[in-house]
Amino acid sequence: MKEDDYDVAAADVFRFELAFLLGDGRIIPEVDRLFAVQGTPDADRVRAVIVGLASLDARIRERLTPEEMEELSNALGEAKDGQELLQSWNGELNQSSLPVQIKNSVRLYQRFFPIHGNNP
């Protein structure tokens, strides 16, 4: 990862991702697909925005090699169809070859923000 490949969201946050929960329970990651979803009108309604954050203490992040930081970034990829961010990120992080100390230091957060006014 190059130095200019990211923006600082918060002191220890290094990953931020969005996804959308539809009325029929599907999770889709791309905004442009919100307007192309086929199905009943109720299924197309966005019920919630899902926000995922990953943080790592600055002291540990400073000790990471560029290769470890790249592997960590790759493990915490973009949202996937049908998967909550935590489910995806935890699976990829656990399968990575990163040292246990690094894996245990990463904090993953996910929150659903309901969209009010979309309820029937």
PDB file of N, CA and C in Angstrom:
ATOM      1  N   MET A   1       0.848  -1.167   0.000  1.00  0.00           N
ATOM      2  CA  MET A   1       0.000   0.000   0.000  1.00  0.00           C
ATOM      3  C   MET A   1       0.897   1.235   0.000  1.00  0.00           C
ATOM      4  N   LYS A   2       0.586   2.139  -0.896  1.00  0.00           N
ATOM      5  CA  LYS A   2       1.367   3.370  -0.980  1.00  0.00           C
ATOM      6  C   LYS A   2       0.833   4.386   0.026  1.00  0.00           C
ATOM      7  N   GLU A   3       1.678   5.309   0.375  1.00  0.00           N
ATOM      8  CA  GLU A   3       1.336   6.330   1.371  1.00  0.00           C
ATOM      9  C   GLU A   3       0.125   7.152   0.973  1.00  0.00           C
ATOM     10  N   ASP A   4      -0.105   7.361  -0.312  1.00  0.00           N
ATOM     11  CA  ASP A   4      -1.228   8.191  -0.747  1.00  0.00           C
ATOM     12  C   ASP A   4      -2.467   7.376  -1.117  1.00  0.00           C
ATOM     13  N   ASP A   5      -2.507   6.089  -0.743  1.00  0.00           N
ATOM     14  CA  ASP A   5      -3.641   5.226  -1.061  1.00  0.00           C
ATOM     15  C   ASP A   5      -4.777   5.328  -0.050  1.00  0.00           C
ATOM     16  N   TYR A   6      -4.655   6.185   0.932  1.00  0.00           N
ATOM     17  CA  TYR A   6      -5.670   6.247   1.972  1.00  0.00           C
ATOM     18  C   TYR A   6      -5.775   7.651   2.553  1.00  0.00           C
ATOM     19  N   ASP A   7      -6.876   7.869   3.279  1.00  0.00           N
ATOM     20  CA  ASP A   7      -7.088   9.099   4.037  1.00  0.00           C
ATOM     21  C   ASP A   7      -7.280   8.719   5.494  1.00  0.00           C
ATOM     22  N   VAL A   8      -6.893   9.576   6.409  1.00  0.00           N
ATOM     23  CA  VAL A   8      -7.036   9.302   7.827  1.00  0.00           C
ATOM     24  C   VAL A   8      -8.474   9.601   8.242  1.00  0.00           C
ATOM     25  N   ALA A   9      -9.186   8.580   8.744  1.00  0.00           N
ATOM     26  CA  ALA A   9     -10.567   8.745   9.210  1.00  0.00           C
ATOM     27  C   ALA A   9     -10.586   9.083  10.696  1.00  0.00           C
ATOM     28  N   ALA A  10      -9.706   8.463  11.438  1.00  0.00           N
ATOM     29  CA  ALA A  10      -9.552   8.692  12.877  1.00  0.00           C
ATOM     30  C   ALA A  10      -8.164   8.177  13.236  1.00  0.00           C
ATOM     31  N   ALA A  11      -7.715   8.507  14.408  1.00  0.00           N
ATOM     32  CA  ALA A  11      -6.335   8.206  14.790  1.00  0.00           C
ATOM     33  C   ALA A  11      -5.945   6.742  14.558  1.00  0.00           C
ATOM     34  N   ASP A  12      -6.762   5.813  14.992  1.00  0.00           N
ATOM     35  CA  ASP A  12      -6.399   4.402  14.884  1.00  0.00           C
ATOM     36  C   ASP A  12      -7.193   3.645  13.827  1.00  0.00           C
ATOM     37  N   VAL A  13      -8.151   4.292  13.175  1.00  0.00           N
ATOM     38  CA  VAL A  13      -8.964   3.620  12.162  1.00  0.00           C
ATOM     39  C   VAL A  13      -8.192   3.592  10.848  1.00  0.00           C
ATOM     40  N   PHE A  14      -8.055   2.380  10.289  1.00  0.00           N
ATOM     41  CA  PHE A  14      -7.347   2.275   9.010  1.00  0.00           C
ATOM     42  C   PHE A  14      -8.221   1.666   7.913  1.00  0.00           C
ATOM     43  N   ARG A  15      -9.439   1.243   8.266  1.00  0.00           N
ATOM     44  CA  ARG A  15     -10.329   0.662   7.261  1.00  0.00           C
ATOM     45  C   ARG A  15     -11.756   1.068   7.574  1.00  0.00           C
ATOM     46  N   PHE A  16     -12.489   1.491   6.532  1.00  0.00           N
ATOM     47  CA  PHE A  16     -13.881   1.927   6.634  1.00  0.00           C
ATOM     48  C   PHE A  16     -14.613   1.362   5.430  1.00  0.00           C
ATOM     49  N   GLU A  17     -15.740   0.729   5.658  1.00  0.00           N
ATOM     50  CA  GLU A  17     -16.473   0.118   4.560  1.00  0.00           C
ATOM     51  C   GLU A  17     -17.968   0.237   4.807  1.00  0.00           C
ATOM     52  N   LEU A  18     -18.730   0.352   3.717  1.00  0.00           N
ATOM     53  CA  LEU A  18     -20.187   0.450   3.779  1.00  0.00           C
ATOM     54  C   LEU A  18     -20.828  -0.690   3.006  1.00  0.00           C
ATOM     55  N   ALA A  19     -22.026  -1.084   3.449  1.00  0.00           N
ATOM     56  CA  ALA A  19     -22.874  -2.025   2.726  1.00  0.00           C
ATOM     57  C   ALA A  19     -24.312  -1.639   3.051  1.00  0.00           C
ATOM     58  N   PHE A  20     -25.272  -2.278   2.374  1.00  0.00           N
ATOM     59  CA  PHE A  20     -26.673  -1.900   2.532  1.00  0.00           C
ATOM     60  C   PHE A  20     -27.526  -3.140   2.769  1.00  0.00           C
ATOM     61  N   LEU A  21     -28.387  -3.073   3.777  1.00  0.00           N
ATOM     62  CA  LEU A  21     -29.328  -4.147   4.081  1.00  0.00           C
ATOM     63  C   LEU A  21     -30.651  -3.805   3.416  1.00  0.00           C
ATOM     64  N   LEU A  22     -31.115  -4.694   2.527  1.00  0.00           N
ATOM     65  CA  LEU A  22     -32.376  -4.474   1.830  1.00  0.00           C
ATOM     66  C   LEU A  22     -33.542  -5.073   2.612  1.00  0.00           C
ATOM     67  N   GLY A  23     -34.741  -4.708   2.212  1.00  0.00           N
ATOM     68  CA  GLY A  23     -35.952  -5.147   2.894  1.00  0.00           C
ATOM     69  C   GLY A  23     -36.135  -6.647   2.932  1.00  0.00           C
ATOM     70  N   ASP A  24     -35.594  -7.365   1.968  1.00  0.00           N
ATOM     71  CA  ASP A  24     -35.743  -8.826   1.945  1.00  0.00           C
ATOM     72  C   ASP A  24     -34.581  -9.537   2.637  1.00  0.00           C
ATOM     73  N   GLY A  25     -33.704  -8.774   3.309  1.00  0.00           N
ATOM     74  CA  GLY A  25     -32.601  -9.366   4.057  1.00  0.00           C
ATOM     75  C   GLY A  25     -31.299  -9.480   3.298  1.00  0.00           C
ATOM     76  N   ARG A  26     -31.316  -9.175   1.999  1.00  0.00           N
ATOM     77  CA  ARG A  26     -30.068  -9.226   1.230  1.00  0.00           C
ATOM     78  C   ARG A  26     -29.146  -8.093   1.652  1.00  0.00           C
ATOM     79  N   ILE A  27     -27.856  -8.378   1.579  1.00  0.00           N
ATOM     80  CA  ILE A  27     -26.831  -7.357   1.823  1.00  0.00           C
ATOM     81  C   ILE A  27     -26.110  -7.138   0.511  1.00  0.00           C
ATOM     82  N   ILE A  28     -26.055  -5.872   0.077  1.00  0.00           N
ATOM     83  CA  ILE A  28     -25.321  -5.546  -1.142  1.00  0.00           C
ATOM     84  C   ILE A  28     -24.323  -4.442  -0.828  1.00  0.00           C
ATOM     85  N   PRO A  29     -23.138  -4.518  -1.421  1.00  0.00           N
ATOM     86  CA  PRO A  29     -22.095  -3.555  -1.091  1.00  0.00           C
ATOM     87  C   PRO A  29     -22.026  -2.314  -1.988  1.00  0.00           C
ATOM     88  N   GLU A  30     -22.582  -2.376  -3.185  1.00  0.00           N
ATOM     89  CA  GLU A  30     -22.370  -1.275  -4.114  1.00  0.00           C
ATOM     90  C   GLU A  30     -23.571  -0.337  -4.169  1.00  0.00           C
ATOM     91  N   VAL A  31     -23.305   0.949  -4.045  1.00  0.00           N
ATOM     92  CA  VAL A  31     -24.353   1.961  -4.104  1.00  0.00           C
ATOM     93  C   VAL A  31     -25.064   1.938  -5.444  1.00  0.00           C
ATOM     94  N   ASP A  32     -24.326   1.816  -6.536  1.00  0.00           N
ATOM     95  CA  ASP A  32     -24.954   1.869  -7.851  1.00  0.00           C
ATOM     96  C   ASP A  32     -25.911   0.707  -8.074  1.00  0.00           C
ATOM     97  N   ARG A  33     -25.714  -0.408  -7.382  1.00  0.00           N
ATOM     98  CA  ARG A  33     -26.634  -1.538  -7.510  1.00  0.00           C
ATOM     99  C   ARG A  33     -27.959  -1.280  -6.808  1.00  0.00           C
ATOM    100  N   LEU A  34     -27.999  -0.328  -5.893  1.00  0.00           N
ATOM    101  CA  LEU A  34     -29.265  -0.025  -5.212  1.00  0.00           C
ATOM    102  C   LEU A  34     -30.344   0.341  -6.213  1.00  0.00           C
ATOM    103  N   PHE A  35     -29.943   0.925  -7.315  1.00  0.00           N
ATOM    104  CA  PHE A  35     -30.906   1.388  -8.305  1.00  0.00           C
ATOM    105  C   PHE A  35     -31.168   0.349  -9.389  1.00  0.00           C
ATOM    106  N   ALA A  36     -30.455  -0.764  -9.341  1.00  0.00           N
ATOM    107  CA  ALA A  36     -30.623  -1.787 -10.365  1.00  0.00           C
ATOM    108  C   ALA A  36     -31.156  -3.098  -9.797  1.00  0.00           C
ATOM    109  N   VAL A  37     -31.512  -3.107  -8.505  1.00  0.00           N
ATOM    110  CA  VAL A  37     -31.981  -4.329  -7.863  1.00  0.00           C
ATOM    111  C   VAL A  37     -33.357  -4.684  -8.393  1.00  0.00           C
ATOM    112  N   GLN A  38     -33.520  -5.940  -8.763  1.00  0.00           N
ATOM    113  CA  GLN A  38     -34.814  -6.419  -9.256  1.00  0.00           C
ATOM    114  C   GLN A  38     -35.566  -7.082  -8.103  1.00  0.00           C
ATOM    115  N   GLY A  39     -36.890  -7.028  -8.154  1.00  0.00           N
ATOM    116  CA  GLY A  39     -37.696  -7.676  -7.129  1.00  0.00           C
ATOM    117  C   GLY A  39     -38.888  -6.828  -6.776  1.00  0.00           C
ATOM    118  N   THR A  40     -39.526  -7.180  -5.683  1.00  0.00           N
ATOM    119  CA  THR A  40     -40.699  -6.428  -5.254  1.00  0.00           C
ATOM    120  C   THR A  40     -40.262  -5.078  -4.709  1.00  0.00           C
ATOM    121  N   PRO A  41     -41.166  -4.090  -4.745  1.00  0.00           N
ATOM    122  CA  PRO A  41     -40.784  -2.771  -4.220  1.00  0.00           C
ATOM    123  C   PRO A  41     -40.317  -2.827  -2.769  1.00  0.00           C
ATOM    124  N   ASP A  42     -40.933  -3.675  -1.938  1.00  0.00           N
ATOM    125  CA  ASP A  42     -40.526  -3.761  -0.541  1.00  0.00           C
ATOM    126  C   ASP A  42     -39.114  -4.311  -0.412  1.00  0.00           C
ATOM    127  N   ALA A  43     -38.759  -5.277  -1.275  1.00  0.00           N
ATOM    128  CA  ALA A  43     -37.428  -5.882  -1.216  1.00  0.00           C
ATOM    129  C   ALA A  43     -36.355  -4.874  -1.600  1.00  0.00           C
ATOM    130  N   ASP A  44     -36.712  -3.912  -2.435  1.00  0.00           N
ATOM    131  CA  ASP A  44     -35.735  -2.943  -2.918  1.00  0.00           C
ATOM    132  C   ASP A  44     -35.432  -1.841  -1.916  1.00  0.00           C
ATOM    133  N   ARG A  45     -36.237  -1.708  -0.930  1.00  0.00           N
ATOM    134  CA  ARG A  45     -36.020  -0.621   0.032  1.00  0.00           C
ATOM    135  C   ARG A  45     -34.802  -0.900   0.894  1.00  0.00           C
ATOM    136  N   VAL A  46     -34.004   0.112   1.089  1.00  0.00           N
ATOM    137  CA  VAL A  46     -32.852  -0.010   1.976  1.00  0.00           C
ATOM    138  C   VAL A  46     -33.359   0.143   3.399  1.00  0.00           C
ATOM    139  N   ARG A  47     -33.133  -0.881   4.187  1.00  0.00           N
ATOM    140  CA  ARG A  47     -33.576  -0.862   5.586  1.00  0.00           C
ATOM    141  C   ARG A  47     -32.507  -0.306   6.508  1.00  0.00           C
ATOM    142  N   ALA A  48     -31.234  -0.501   6.129  1.00  0.00           N
ATOM    143  CA  ALA A  48     -30.150  -0.029   6.990  1.00  0.00           C
ATOM    144  C   ALA A  48     -28.867   0.125   6.185  1.00  0.00           C
ATOM    145  N   VAL A  49     -28.036   1.028   6.654  1.00  0.00           N
ATOM    146  CA  VAL A  49     -26.674   1.169   6.150  1.00  0.00           C
ATOM    147  C   VAL A  49     -25.783   0.447   7.156  1.00  0.00           C
ATOM    148  N   ILE A  50     -24.933  -0.415   6.643  1.00  0.00           N
ATOM    149  CA  ILE A  50     -24.010  -1.169   7.497  1.00  0.00           C
ATOM    150  C   ILE A  50     -22.648  -0.507   7.391  1.00  0.00           C
ATOM    151  N   VAL A  51     -22.100  -0.132   8.520  1.00  0.00           N
ATOM    152  CA  VAL A  51     -20.797   0.524   8.558  1.00  0.00           C
ATOM    153  C   VAL A  51     -19.822  -0.385   9.282  1.00  0.00           C
ATOM    154  N   GLY A  52     -18.691  -0.610   8.662  1.00  0.00           N
ATOM    155  CA  GLY A  52     -17.634  -1.405   9.279  1.00  0.00           C
ATOM    156  C   GLY A  52     -16.372  -0.581   9.442  1.00  0.00           C
ATOM    157  N   LEU A  53     -15.717  -0.726  10.581  1.00  0.00           N
ATOM    158  CA  LEU A  53     -14.461  -0.032  10.866  1.00  0.00           C
ATOM    159  C   LEU A  53     -13.446  -1.044  11.386  1.00  0.00           C
ATOM    160  N   ALA A  54     -12.209  -0.830  11.022  1.00  0.00           N
ATOM    161  CA  ALA A  54     -11.113  -1.618  11.573  1.00  0.00           C
ATOM    162  C   ALA A  54     -10.096  -0.640  12.152  1.00  0.00           C
ATOM    163  N   SER A  55      -9.655  -0.931  13.358  1.00  0.00           N
ATOM    164  CA  SER A  55      -8.673  -0.056  13.991  1.00  0.00           C
ATOM    165  C   SER A  55      -7.501  -0.872  14.515  1.00  0.00           C
ATOM    166  N   LEU A  56      -6.394  -0.190  14.645  1.00  0.00           N
ATOM    167  CA  LEU A  56      -5.168  -0.806  15.138  1.00  0.00           C
ATOM    168  C   LEU A  56      -4.393   0.267  15.872  1.00  0.00           C
ATOM    169  N   ASP A  57      -3.989  -0.045  17.073  1.00  0.00           N
ATOM    170  CA  ASP A  57      -3.229   0.898  17.885  1.00  0.00           C
ATOM    171  C   ASP A  57      -2.011   1.393  17.100  1.00  0.00           C
ATOM    172  N   ALA A  58      -1.781   2.686  17.165  1.00  0.00           N
ATOM    173  CA  ALA A  58      -0.694   3.303  16.397  1.00  0.00           C
ATOM    174  C   ALA A  58       0.669   2.697  16.733  1.00  0.00           C
ATOM    175  N   ARG A  59       0.880   2.333  17.995  1.00  0.00           N
ATOM    176  CA  ARG A  59       2.186   1.763  18.380  1.00  0.00           C
ATOM    177  C   ARG A  59       2.441   0.434  17.672  1.00  0.00           C
ATOM    178  N   ILE A  60       1.403  -0.364  17.517  1.00  0.00           N
ATOM    179  CA  ILE A  60       1.557  -1.646  16.819  1.00  0.00           C
ATOM    180  C   ILE A  60       1.659  -1.413  15.320  1.00  0.00           C
ATOM    181  N   ARG A  61       0.835  -0.518  14.796  1.00  0.00           N
ATOM    182  CA  ARG A  61       0.856  -0.233  13.363  1.00  0.00           C
ATOM    183  C   ARG A  61       2.237   0.263  12.924  1.00  0.00           C
ATOM    184  N   GLU A  62       2.898   1.050  13.742  1.00  0.00           N
ATOM    185  CA  GLU A  62       4.233   1.569  13.403  1.00  0.00           C
ATOM    186  C   GLU A  62       5.272   0.458  13.296  1.00  0.00           C
ATOM    187  N   ARG A  63       5.045  -0.652  13.981  1.00  0.00           N
ATOM    188  CA  ARG A  63       5.992  -1.763  13.962  1.00  0.00           C
ATOM    189  C   ARG A  63       5.753  -2.740  12.811  1.00  0.00           C
ATOM    190  N   LEU A  64       4.649  -2.576  12.094  1.00  0.00           N
ATOM    191  CA  LEU A  64       4.350  -3.486  10.986  1.00  0.00           C
ATOM    192  C   LEU A  64       5.291  -3.232   9.821  1.00  0.00           C
ATOM    193  N   THR A  65       5.698  -4.303   9.188  1.00  0.00           N
ATOM    194  CA  THR A  65       6.466  -4.158   7.958  1.00  0.00           C
ATOM    195  C   THR A  65       5.496  -3.760   6.842  1.00  0.00           C
ATOM    196  N   PRO A  66       5.991  -3.197   5.753  1.00  0.00           N
ATOM    197  CA  PRO A  66       5.098  -2.888   4.635  1.00  0.00           C
ATOM    198  C   PRO A  66       4.352  -4.128   4.129  1.00  0.00           C
ATOM    199  N   GLU A  67       5.006  -5.282   4.163  1.00  0.00           N
ATOM    200  CA  GLU A  67       4.364  -6.517   3.722  1.00  0.00           C
ATOM    201  C   GLU A  67       3.221  -6.910   4.657  1.00  0.00           C
ATOM    202  N   GLU A  68       3.433  -6.762   5.968  1.00  0.00           N
ATOM    203  CA  GLU A  68       2.376  -7.082   6.931  1.00  0.00           C
ATOM    204  C   GLU A  68       1.197  -6.127   6.789  1.00  0.00           C
ATOM    205  N   MET A  69       1.482  -4.863   6.571  1.00  0.00           N
ATOM    206  CA  MET A  69       0.399  -3.891   6.398  1.00  0.00           C
ATOM    207  C   MET A  69      -0.397  -4.191   5.130  1.00  0.00           C
ATOM    208  N   GLU A  70       0.292  -4.592   4.084  1.00  0.00           N
ATOM    209  CA  GLU A  70      -0.399  -4.946   2.844  1.00  0.00           C
ATOM    210  C   GLU A  70      -1.261  -6.188   3.037  1.00  0.00           C
ATOM    211  N   GLU A  71      -0.732  -7.188   3.739  1.00  0.00           N
ATOM    212  CA  GLU A  71      -1.517  -8.392   3.995  1.00  0.00           C
ATOM    213  C   GLU A  71      -2.740  -8.079   4.859  1.00  0.00           C
ATOM    214  N   LEU A  72      -2.558  -7.223   5.835  1.00  0.00           N
ATOM    215  CA  LEU A  72      -3.677  -6.808   6.681  1.00  0.00           C
ATOM    216  C   LEU A  72      -4.732  -6.078   5.866  1.00  0.00           C
ATOM    217  N   SER A  73      -4.305  -5.188   5.002  1.00  0.00           N
ATOM    218  CA  SER A  73      -5.240  -4.457   4.140  1.00  0.00           C
ATOM    219  C   SER A  73      -5.990  -5.404   3.214  1.00  0.00           C
ATOM    220  N   ASN A  74      -5.287  -6.390   2.670  1.00  0.00           N
ATOM    221  CA  ASN A  74      -5.931  -7.363   1.785  1.00  0.00           C
ATOM    222  C   ASN A  74      -6.925  -8.244   2.531  1.00  0.00           C
ATOM    223  N   ALA A  75      -6.621  -8.571   3.784  1.00  0.00           N
ATOM    224  CA  ALA A  75      -7.518  -9.406   4.586  1.00  0.00           C
ATOM    225  C   ALA A  75      -8.826  -8.685   4.894  1.00  0.00           C
ATOM    226  N   LEU A  76      -8.770  -7.382   4.970  1.00  0.00           N
ATOM    227  CA  LEU A  76      -9.958  -6.597   5.291  1.00  0.00           C
ATOM    228  C   LEU A  76     -10.455  -5.922   4.017  1.00  0.00           C
ATOM    229  N   GLY A  77     -10.879  -6.732   3.101  1.00  0.00           N
ATOM    230  CA  GLY A  77     -11.285  -6.257   1.783  1.00  0.00           C
ATOM    231  C   GLY A  77     -12.656  -5.612   1.759  1.00  0.00           C
ATOM    232  N   GLU A  78     -13.128  -5.401   0.552  1.00  0.00           N
ATOM    233  CA  GLU A  78     -14.422  -4.757   0.348  1.00  0.00           C
ATOM    234  C   GLU A  78     -15.551  -5.690   0.762  1.00  0.00           C
ATOM    235  N   ALA A  79     -16.703  -5.090   1.045  1.00  0.00           N
ATOM    236  CA  ALA A  79     -17.887  -5.863   1.411  1.00  0.00           C
ATOM    237  C   ALA A  79     -18.247  -6.810   0.271  1.00  0.00           C
ATOM    238  N   LYS A  80     -18.835  -7.949   0.650  1.00  0.00           N
ATOM    239  CA  LYS A  80     -19.223  -8.959  -0.335  1.00  0.00           C
ATOM    240  C   LYS A  80     -20.729  -9.155  -0.288  1.00  0.00           C
ATOM    241  N   ASP A  81     -21.301  -9.504  -1.424  1.00  0.00           N
ATOM    242  CA  ASP A  81     -22.730  -9.796  -1.487  1.00  0.00           C
ATOM    243  C   ASP A  81     -23.106 -10.837  -0.435  1.00  0.00           C
ATOM    244  N   GLY A  82     -24.157 -10.535   0.306  1.00  0.00           N
ATOM    245  CA  GLY A  82     -24.721 -11.505   1.229  1.00  0.00           C
ATOM    246  C   GLY A  82     -23.970 -11.731   2.514  1.00  0.00           C
ATOM    247  N   GLN A  83     -22.864 -11.041   2.746  1.00  0.00           N
ATOM    248  CA  GLN A  83     -22.088 -11.248   3.963  1.00  0.00           C
ATOM    249  C   GLN A  83     -21.983  -9.967   4.757  1.00  0.00           C
ATOM    250  N   GLU A  84     -22.157 -10.110   6.059  1.00  0.00           N
ATOM    251  CA  GLU A  84     -21.885  -8.973   6.930  1.00  0.00           C
ATOM    252  C   GLU A  84     -20.376  -8.737   6.935  1.00  0.00           C
ATOM    253  N   LEU A  85     -19.995  -7.502   7.149  1.00  0.00           N
ATOM    254  CA  LEU A  85     -18.575  -7.149   7.119  1.00  0.00           C
ATOM    255  C   LEU A  85     -17.768  -7.923   8.153  1.00  0.00           C
ATOM    256  N   LEU A  86     -18.289  -8.020   9.381  1.00  0.00           N
ATOM    257  CA  LEU A  86     -17.539  -8.724  10.422  1.00  0.00           C
ATOM    258  C   LEU A  86     -17.315 -10.185  10.064  1.00  0.00           C
ATOM    259  N   GLN A  87     -18.312 -10.809   9.495  1.00  0.00           N
ATOM    260  CA  GLN A  87     -18.198 -12.207   9.086  1.00  0.00           C
ATOM    261  C   GLN A  87     -17.076 -12.367   8.067  1.00  0.00           C
ATOM    262  N   SER A  88     -17.078 -11.519   7.072  1.00  0.00           N
ATOM    263  CA  SER A  88     -16.072 -11.573   6.025  1.00  0.00           C
ATOM    264  C   SER A  88     -14.684 -11.245   6.568  1.00  0.00           C
ATOM    265  N   TRP A  89     -14.580 -10.139   7.279  1.00  0.00           N
ATOM    266  CA  TRP A  89     -13.287  -9.694   7.786  1.00  0.00           C
ATOM    267  C   TRP A  89     -12.687 -10.685   8.779  1.00  0.00           C
ATOM    268  N   ASN A  90     -13.496 -11.191   9.710  1.00  0.00           N
ATOM    269  CA  ASN A  90     -12.971 -12.155  10.680  1.00  0.00           C
ATOM    270  C   ASN A  90     -12.438 -13.401   9.987  1.00  0.00           C
ATOM    271  N   GLY A  91     -13.178 -13.898   8.999  1.00  0.00           N
ATOM    272  CA  GLY A  91     -12.733 -15.083   8.269  1.00  0.00           C
ATOM    273  C   GLY A  91     -11.417 -14.860   7.554  1.00  0.00           C
ATOM    274  N   GLU A  92     -11.322 -13.751   6.847  1.00  0.00           N
ATOM    275  CA  GLU A  92     -10.092 -13.462   6.091  1.00  0.00           C
ATOM    276  C   GLU A  92      -8.913 -13.189   7.030  1.00  0.00           C
ATOM    277  N   LEU A  93      -9.160 -12.466   8.110  1.00  0.00           N
ATOM    278  CA  LEU A  93      -8.087 -12.158   9.052  1.00  0.00           C
ATOM    279  C   LEU A  93      -7.568 -13.441   9.701  1.00  0.00           C
ATOM    280  N   ASN A  94      -8.473 -14.318  10.099  1.00  0.00           N
ATOM    281  CA  ASN A  94      -8.065 -15.574  10.735  1.00  0.00           C
ATOM    282  C   ASN A  94      -7.282 -16.467   9.779  1.00  0.00           C
ATOM    283  N   GLN A  95      -7.581 -16.408   8.487  1.00  0.00           N
ATOM    284  CA  GLN A  95      -6.886 -17.235   7.502  1.00  0.00           C
ATOM    285  C   GLN A  95      -5.557 -16.627   7.054  1.00  0.00           C
ATOM    286  N   SER A  96      -5.317 -15.382   7.390  1.00  0.00           N
ATOM    287  CA  SER A  96      -4.076 -14.734   6.953  1.00  0.00           C
ATOM    288  C   SER A  96      -2.888 -15.335   7.692  1.00  0.00           C
ATOM    289  N   SER A  97      -1.701 -15.088   7.153  1.00  0.00           N
ATOM    290  CA  SER A  97      -0.480 -15.610   7.783  1.00  0.00           C
ATOM    291  C   SER A  97       0.150 -14.583   8.726  1.00  0.00           C
ATOM    292  N   LEU A  98      -0.595 -13.557   9.075  1.00  0.00           N
ATOM    293  CA  LEU A  98      -0.083 -12.534   9.997  1.00  0.00           C
ATOM    294  C   LEU A  98       0.200 -13.141  11.370  1.00  0.00           C
ATOM    295  N   PRO A  99       1.174 -12.601  12.079  1.00  0.00           N
ATOM    296  CA  PRO A  99       1.444 -13.088  13.438  1.00  0.00           C
ATOM    297  C   PRO A  99       0.209 -12.902  14.336  1.00  0.00           C
ATOM    298  N   VAL A 100       0.058 -13.808  15.280  1.00  0.00           N
ATOM    299  CA  VAL A 100      -1.096 -13.782  16.184  1.00  0.00           C
ATOM    300  C   VAL A 100      -1.184 -12.452  16.924  1.00  0.00           C
ATOM    301  N   GLN A 101      -0.052 -11.884  17.306  1.00  0.00           N
ATOM    302  CA  GLN A 101      -0.052 -10.608  18.030  1.00  0.00           C
ATOM    303  C   GLN A 101      -0.738  -9.514  17.215  1.00  0.00           C
ATOM    304  N   ILE A 102      -0.501  -9.493  15.922  1.00  0.00           N
ATOM    305  CA  ILE A 102      -1.127  -8.500  15.060  1.00  0.00           C
ATOM    306  C   ILE A 102      -2.619  -8.790  14.927  1.00  0.00           C
ATOM    307  N   LYS A 103      -2.972 -10.049  14.663  1.00  0.00           N
ATOM    308  CA  LYS A 103      -4.383 -10.421  14.527  1.00  0.00           C
ATOM    309  C   LYS A 103      -5.168 -10.052  15.781  1.00  0.00           C
ATOM    310  N   ASN A 104      -4.576 -10.300  16.942  1.00  0.00           N
ATOM    311  CA  ASN A 104      -5.261 -10.016  18.201  1.00  0.00           C
ATOM    312  C   ASN A 104      -5.343  -8.525  18.506  1.00  0.00           C
ATOM    313  N   SER A 105      -4.548  -7.733  17.846  1.00  0.00           N
ATOM    314  CA  SER A 105      -4.541  -6.291  18.094  1.00  0.00           C
ATOM    315  C   SER A 105      -5.533  -5.529  17.222  1.00  0.00           C
ATOM    316  N   VAL A 106      -5.985  -6.146  16.151  1.00  0.00           N
ATOM    317  CA  VAL A 106      -6.942  -5.498  15.252  1.00  0.00           C
ATOM    318  C   VAL A 106      -8.312  -5.510  15.920  1.00  0.00           C
ATOM    319  N   ARG A 107      -8.979  -4.379  15.919  1.00  0.00           N
ATOM    320  CA  ARG A 107     -10.335  -4.262  16.460  1.00  0.00           C
ATOM    321  C   ARG A 107     -11.281  -4.013  15.296  1.00  0.00           C
ATOM    322  N   LEU A 108     -12.292  -4.864  15.191  1.00  0.00           N
ATOM    323  CA  LEU A 108     -13.270  -4.760  14.117  1.00  0.00           C
ATOM    324  C   LEU A 108     -14.615  -4.362  14.702  1.00  0.00           C
ATOM    325  N   TYR A 109     -15.264  -3.422  14.044  1.00  0.00           N
ATOM    326  CA  TYR A 109     -16.557  -2.929  14.498  1.00  0.00           C
ATOM    327  C   TYR A 109     -17.533  -2.923  13.326  1.00  0.00           C
ATOM    328  N   GLN A 110     -18.771  -3.233  13.648  1.00  0.00           N
ATOM    329  CA  GLN A 110     -19.828  -3.174  12.644  1.00  0.00           C
ATOM    330  C   GLN A 110     -21.083  -2.646  13.326  1.00  0.00           C
ATOM    331  N   ARG A 111     -21.774  -1.773  12.608  1.00  0.00           N
ATOM    332  CA  ARG A 111     -23.021  -1.248  13.145  1.00  0.00           C
ATOM    333  C   ARG A 111     -24.026  -1.067  12.025  1.00  0.00           C
ATOM    334  N   PHE A 112     -25.273  -1.388  12.327  1.00  0.00           N
ATOM    335  CA  PHE A 112     -26.378  -1.179  11.398  1.00  0.00           C
ATOM    336  C   PHE A 112     -27.046   0.135  11.769  1.00  0.00           C
ATOM    337  N   PHE A 113     -27.181   1.017  10.802  1.00  0.00           N
ATOM    338  CA  PHE A 113     -27.889   2.274  11.011  1.00  0.00           C
ATOM    339  C   PHE A 113     -29.203   2.204  10.242  1.00  0.00           C
ATOM    340  N   PRO A 114     -30.326   1.978  10.963  1.00  0.00           N
ATOM    341  CA  PRO A 114     -31.617   1.850  10.288  1.00  0.00           C
ATOM    342  C   PRO A 114     -31.969   3.137   9.530  1.00  0.00           C
ATOM    343  N   ILE A 115     -32.620   2.939   8.399  1.00  0.00           N
ATOM    344  CA  ILE A 115     -33.121   4.064   7.614  1.00  0.00           C
ATOM    345  C   ILE A 115     -34.585   4.218   7.999  1.00  0.00           C
ATOM    346  N   HIS A 116     -34.880   5.238   8.769  1.00  0.00           N
ATOM    347  CA  HIS A 116     -36.255   5.477   9.194  1.00  0.00           C
ATOM    348  C   HIS A 116     -37.033   6.094   8.058  1.00  0.00           C
ATOM    349  N   GLY A 117     -38.314   5.804   8.017  1.00  0.00           N
ATOM    350  CA  GLY A 117     -39.140   6.329   6.950  1.00  0.00           C
ATOM    351  C   GLY A 117     -39.280   5.337   5.809  1.00  0.00           C
ATOM    352  N   ASN A 118     -38.511   4.261   5.828  1.00  0.00           N
ATOM    353  CA  ASN A 118     -38.628   3.219   4.815  1.00  0.00           C
ATOM    354  C   ASN A 118     -39.534   2.093   5.267  1.00  0.00           C
ATOM    355  N   ASN A 119     -40.079   2.206   6.453  1.00  0.00           N
ATOM    356  CA  ASN A 119     -40.959   1.156   6.955  1.00  0.00           C
ATOM    357  C   ASN A 119     -42.346   1.361   6.391  1.00  0.00           C
ATOM    358  N   PRO A 120     -43.044   0.254   6.055  1.00  0.00           N
ATOM    359  CA  PRO A 120     -44.395   0.382   5.487  1.00  0.00           C
ATOM    360  C   PRO A 120     -45.373   0.966   6.471  1.00  0.00           C
TER     361      PRO A 120
END
